[in-house]
């Protein structure tokens, strides 16, 4: 672990990656002392990182017990999250296309994660990166769409982190990047209907990719 001004962020990234790659399985105890040894840092940045992850719904702190990884979402919750997203996100993608500016399009292009493609990184190493960028990309679309209540509602669910913990599969990244590019094309054309369709297709395919996790 590099000692630098960004130490807290590095520690957070390291623990986040372990959670997303299921190296820390859902429901498992997270021992601060073990992380101190693994990451060769003091308790302070680890506790800061765990507090941040608790706020994101990935870690649970129990009085007199300590920290543990959040349990895996149930199939029912998974279906409810996608039902909610399909009700809200296609419409917001259409609104984002209508309100799109060159500046917003540039920011969305940077957040879409396409830079991860062909980077030569290990698939499991880039999977947590894509989970993070996917959350940012979708949140930025909601921001451009202009409905803060919808944005806050979806952000509160921490949807992306929970669904990406369901399973690791390279196709989750590769196919999603293709779908992100389709969204970017619709935004670039300021095509409201194409943006709605691209978002609906993206969410439906994402649901199909991840639902087999419940059959394992």
Protein backbone atom coordinates (compact mmCIF):
# COMPACT_ATOMS: atom_id res chain seq x y z
CA UNK A 1 0.00 0.00 0.00
CA UNK A 2 1.58 3.30 -1.12
CA UNK A 3 1.92 5.90 1.62
CA UNK A 4 0.76 9.20 0.16
CA UNK A 5 -1.75 11.98 0.64
CA UNK A 6 -4.30 9.71 -1.04
CA UNK A 7 -3.81 6.93 1.54
CA UNK A 8 -7.41 7.02 2.76
CA UNK A 9 -8.68 6.72 -0.82
CA UNK A 10 -6.27 3.85 -1.53
CA UNK A 11 -7.44 1.97 1.55
CA UNK A 12 -11.07 2.55 0.59
CA UNK A 13 -10.40 1.30 -2.96
CA UNK A 14 -8.63 -1.79 -1.65
CA UNK A 15 -11.48 -2.80 0.65
CA UNK A 16 -14.10 -1.90 -1.97
CA UNK A 17 -12.31 -4.14 -4.50
CA UNK A 18 -12.30 -7.03 -2.02
CA UNK A 19 -16.03 -6.64 -1.46
CA UNK A 20 -16.88 -6.39 -5.16
CA UNK A 21 -14.69 -9.37 -6.08
CA UNK A 22 -16.27 -11.36 -3.22
CA UNK A 23 -12.88 -11.84 -1.57
CA UNK A 24 -14.82 -10.61 1.44
CA UNK A 25 -18.02 -12.65 1.01
CA UNK A 26 -21.47 -11.22 1.84
CA UNK A 27 -22.14 -11.53 5.56
CA UNK A 28 -18.49 -12.18 6.47
CA UNK A 29 -16.89 -10.54 9.50
CA UNK A 30 -14.46 -7.76 8.64
CA UNK A 31 -11.69 -7.55 11.22
CA UNK A 32 -9.88 -4.24 11.43
CA UNK A 33 -6.72 -5.91 12.78
CA UNK A 34 -6.61 -8.29 9.80
CA UNK A 35 -6.90 -5.38 7.38
CA UNK A 36 -4.13 -3.54 9.26
CA UNK A 37 -1.84 -6.50 8.59
CA UNK A 38 -2.97 -7.04 4.98
CA UNK A 39 -2.72 -3.39 3.92
CA UNK A 40 0.17 -2.37 6.18
CA UNK A 41 -1.58 0.76 7.43
CA UNK A 42 -2.90 2.00 10.74
CA UNK A 43 -6.47 1.55 11.96
CA UNK A 44 -7.43 5.16 11.21
CA UNK A 45 -7.71 5.01 7.39
CA UNK A 46 -9.31 1.56 7.63
CA UNK A 47 -12.01 2.78 9.99
CA UNK A 48 -12.58 5.82 7.74
CA UNK A 49 -12.96 3.53 4.73
CA UNK A 50 -15.32 1.17 6.56
CA UNK A 51 -17.44 4.13 7.64
CA UNK A 52 -17.69 5.27 4.03
CA UNK A 53 -18.58 1.77 2.86
CA UNK A 54 -21.22 1.58 5.59
CA UNK A 55 -22.78 4.73 4.13
CA UNK A 56 -22.84 3.03 0.72
CA UNK A 57 -24.65 0.00 2.10
CA UNK A 58 -21.77 -2.42 1.56
CA UNK A 59 -20.70 -2.75 5.19
CA UNK A 60 -22.72 -3.12 8.39
CA UNK A 61 -21.48 -2.03 11.81
CA UNK A 62 -23.06 -3.84 14.74
CA UNK A 63 -22.70 -2.56 18.31
CA UNK A 64 -20.28 -4.68 20.36
CA UNK A 65 -19.70 -6.96 17.36
CA UNK A 66 -17.91 -4.85 14.78
CA UNK A 67 -18.01 -4.73 11.00
CA UNK A 68 -19.30 -7.23 8.49
CA UNK A 69 -19.98 -7.27 4.76
CA UNK A 70 -23.60 -6.54 3.95
CA UNK A 71 -25.64 -9.64 3.12
CA UNK A 72 -26.35 -10.44 -0.49
CA UNK A 73 -29.58 -9.01 -1.85
CA UNK A 74 -32.43 -11.49 -2.30
CA UNK A 75 -33.97 -12.42 -5.63
CA UNK A 76 -37.12 -10.51 -4.64
CA UNK A 77 -35.10 -7.37 -3.86
CA UNK A 78 -33.16 -7.77 -7.11
CA UNK A 79 -36.41 -7.89 -9.11
CA UNK A 80 -37.80 -4.89 -7.22
CA UNK A 81 -34.68 -2.84 -7.93
CA UNK A 82 -34.89 -3.54 -11.65
CA UNK A 83 -38.62 -2.84 -11.71
CA UNK A 84 -37.88 0.54 -10.10
CA UNK A 85 -35.06 1.32 -12.50
CA UNK A 86 -37.13 0.38 -15.55
CA UNK A 87 -39.89 2.70 -14.39
CA UNK A 88 -37.55 5.66 -13.92
CA UNK A 89 -34.31 5.46 -15.87
CA UNK A 90 -35.56 5.20 -19.49
CA UNK A 91 -37.64 8.34 -19.03
CA UNK A 92 -34.71 10.14 -17.41
CA UNK A 93 -32.42 9.06 -20.26
CA UNK A 94 -34.88 10.63 -22.70
CA UNK A 95 -34.95 13.84 -20.70
CA UNK A 96 -31.15 13.82 -20.56
CA UNK A 97 -31.01 13.54 -24.37
CA UNK A 98 -33.34 16.52 -24.69
CA UNK A 99 -31.25 18.61 -22.28
CA UNK A 100 -27.84 17.40 -23.50
CA UNK A 101 -25.03 19.91 -23.90
CA UNK A 102 -21.58 19.34 -25.39
CA UNK A 103 -20.08 19.71 -21.93
CA UNK A 104 -22.42 17.12 -20.41
CA UNK A 105 -21.83 14.74 -23.32
CA UNK A 106 -18.07 15.00 -22.83
CA UNK A 107 -18.43 14.25 -19.11
CA UNK A 108 -20.70 11.28 -19.80
CA UNK A 109 -18.28 9.92 -22.38
CA UNK A 110 -15.51 10.06 -19.80
CA UNK A 111 -17.67 8.31 -17.21
CA UNK A 112 -19.03 5.56 -19.48
CA UNK A 113 -16.12 3.22 -18.74
CA UNK A 114 -15.14 2.61 -22.34
CA UNK A 115 -11.56 3.54 -21.40
CA UNK A 116 -11.40 0.26 -19.46
CA UNK A 117 -11.80 -1.71 -22.67
CA UNK A 118 -8.56 -3.17 -23.98
CA UNK A 119 -6.58 -1.69 -21.13
CA UNK A 120 -4.82 -5.00 -20.56
CA UNK A 121 -5.91 -5.12 -16.94
CA UNK A 122 -6.88 -8.34 -15.23
CA UNK A 123 -10.64 -8.86 -15.57
CA UNK A 124 -11.12 -9.21 -11.83
CA UNK A 125 -9.01 -6.12 -11.20
CA UNK A 126 -11.07 -3.93 -13.50
CA UNK A 127 -14.43 -5.32 -12.37
CA UNK A 128 -14.59 -3.12 -9.23
CA UNK A 129 -13.49 -0.15 -11.35
CA UNK A 130 -16.33 -0.74 -13.76
CA UNK A 131 -18.84 -1.13 -10.91
CA UNK A 132 -17.81 2.31 -9.66
CA UNK A 133 -17.86 3.93 -13.10
CA UNK A 134 -21.21 2.36 -13.93
CA UNK A 135 -22.72 3.96 -10.84
CA UNK A 136 -21.22 7.35 -11.76
CA UNK A 137 -22.40 7.08 -15.39
CA UNK A 138 -25.99 6.34 -14.46
CA UNK A 139 -26.01 9.03 -11.78
CA UNK A 140 -24.74 11.62 -14.28
CA UNK A 141 -27.54 10.71 -16.70
CA UNK A 142 -30.04 11.32 -13.91
CA UNK A 143 -28.36 14.62 -13.10
CA UNK A 144 -28.61 15.81 -16.71
CA UNK A 145 -32.20 14.56 -16.79
CA UNK A 146 -32.94 17.15 -14.14
CA UNK A 147 -35.09 15.36 -11.54
CA UNK A 148 -33.28 15.43 -8.20
CA UNK A 149 -35.92 13.35 -6.42
CA UNK A 150 -35.47 10.49 -8.88
CA UNK A 151 -31.70 10.83 -8.58
CA UNK A 152 -31.79 10.76 -4.78
CA UNK A 153 -34.22 7.83 -4.74
CA UNK A 154 -31.99 5.66 -6.92
CA UNK A 155 -28.78 6.76 -5.20
CA UNK A 156 -30.24 5.75 -1.83
CA UNK A 157 -30.66 2.16 -3.07
CA UNK A 158 -26.91 1.75 -3.84
CA UNK A 159 -28.16 -0.44 -6.67
CA UNK A 160 -24.97 -0.76 -8.69
CA UNK A 161 -22.77 -1.96 -5.86
CA UNK A 162 -25.28 -4.59 -4.77
CA UNK A 163 -25.94 -6.01 -8.22
CA UNK A 164 -22.26 -6.17 -9.15
CA UNK A 165 -21.58 -8.20 -5.99
CA UNK A 166 -23.93 -10.92 -7.24
CA UNK A 167 -21.36 -12.53 -9.48
CA UNK A 168 -18.19 -11.93 -11.44
CA UNK A 169 -18.46 -12.40 -15.19
CA UNK A 170 -16.43 -10.71 -17.92
CA UNK A 171 -19.57 -10.36 -20.05
CA UNK A 172 -21.08 -8.13 -17.37
CA UNK A 173 -18.43 -5.58 -18.26
CA UNK A 174 -18.04 -6.11 -22.00
CA UNK A 175 -21.73 -6.19 -22.92
CA UNK A 176 -22.52 -3.28 -20.61
CA UNK A 177 -19.84 -1.20 -22.34
CA UNK A 178 -21.51 -1.87 -25.70
CA UNK A 179 -24.79 -0.69 -24.21
CA UNK A 180 -23.15 2.42 -22.76
CA UNK A 181 -21.87 3.25 -26.23
CA UNK A 182 -25.41 2.95 -27.61
CA UNK A 183 -26.57 5.41 -24.95
CA UNK A 184 -23.78 7.81 -25.80
CA UNK A 185 -24.74 7.67 -29.50
CA UNK A 186 -28.34 8.55 -28.64
CA UNK A 187 -27.18 11.41 -26.43
CA UNK A 188 -24.84 12.71 -29.13
CA UNK A 189 -27.75 12.74 -31.58
CA UNK A 190 -30.01 14.38 -28.95
CA UNK A 191 -32.47 11.60 -29.84
CA UNK A 192 -34.96 11.35 -27.00
CA UNK A 193 -36.68 8.14 -28.10
CA UNK A 194 -33.42 6.39 -28.97
CA UNK A 195 -32.09 7.25 -25.50
CA UNK A 196 -35.19 5.82 -23.83
CA UNK A 197 -34.93 2.62 -25.86
CA UNK A 198 -31.17 2.27 -25.28
CA UNK A 199 -31.62 2.62 -21.53
CA UNK A 200 -34.49 0.13 -21.43
CA UNK A 201 -32.47 -2.39 -23.45
CA UNK A 202 -29.44 -1.83 -21.21
CA UNK A 203 -31.42 -2.47 -18.02
CA UNK A 204 -33.25 -5.49 -19.39
CA UNK A 205 -30.01 -7.08 -20.57
CA UNK A 206 -28.31 -6.28 -17.27
CA UNK A 207 -31.13 -8.04 -15.45
CA UNK A 208 -30.74 -11.08 -17.74
CA UNK A 209 -26.96 -11.18 -17.20
CA UNK A 210 -27.14 -11.11 -13.42
CA UNK A 211 -30.30 -13.07 -12.60
CA UNK A 212 -28.53 -16.48 -13.04
CA UNK A 213 -26.57 -15.65 -9.87
CA UNK A 214 -29.61 -16.76 -7.89
CA UNK A 215 -29.49 -20.21 -9.52
CA UNK A 216 -25.93 -20.94 -8.41
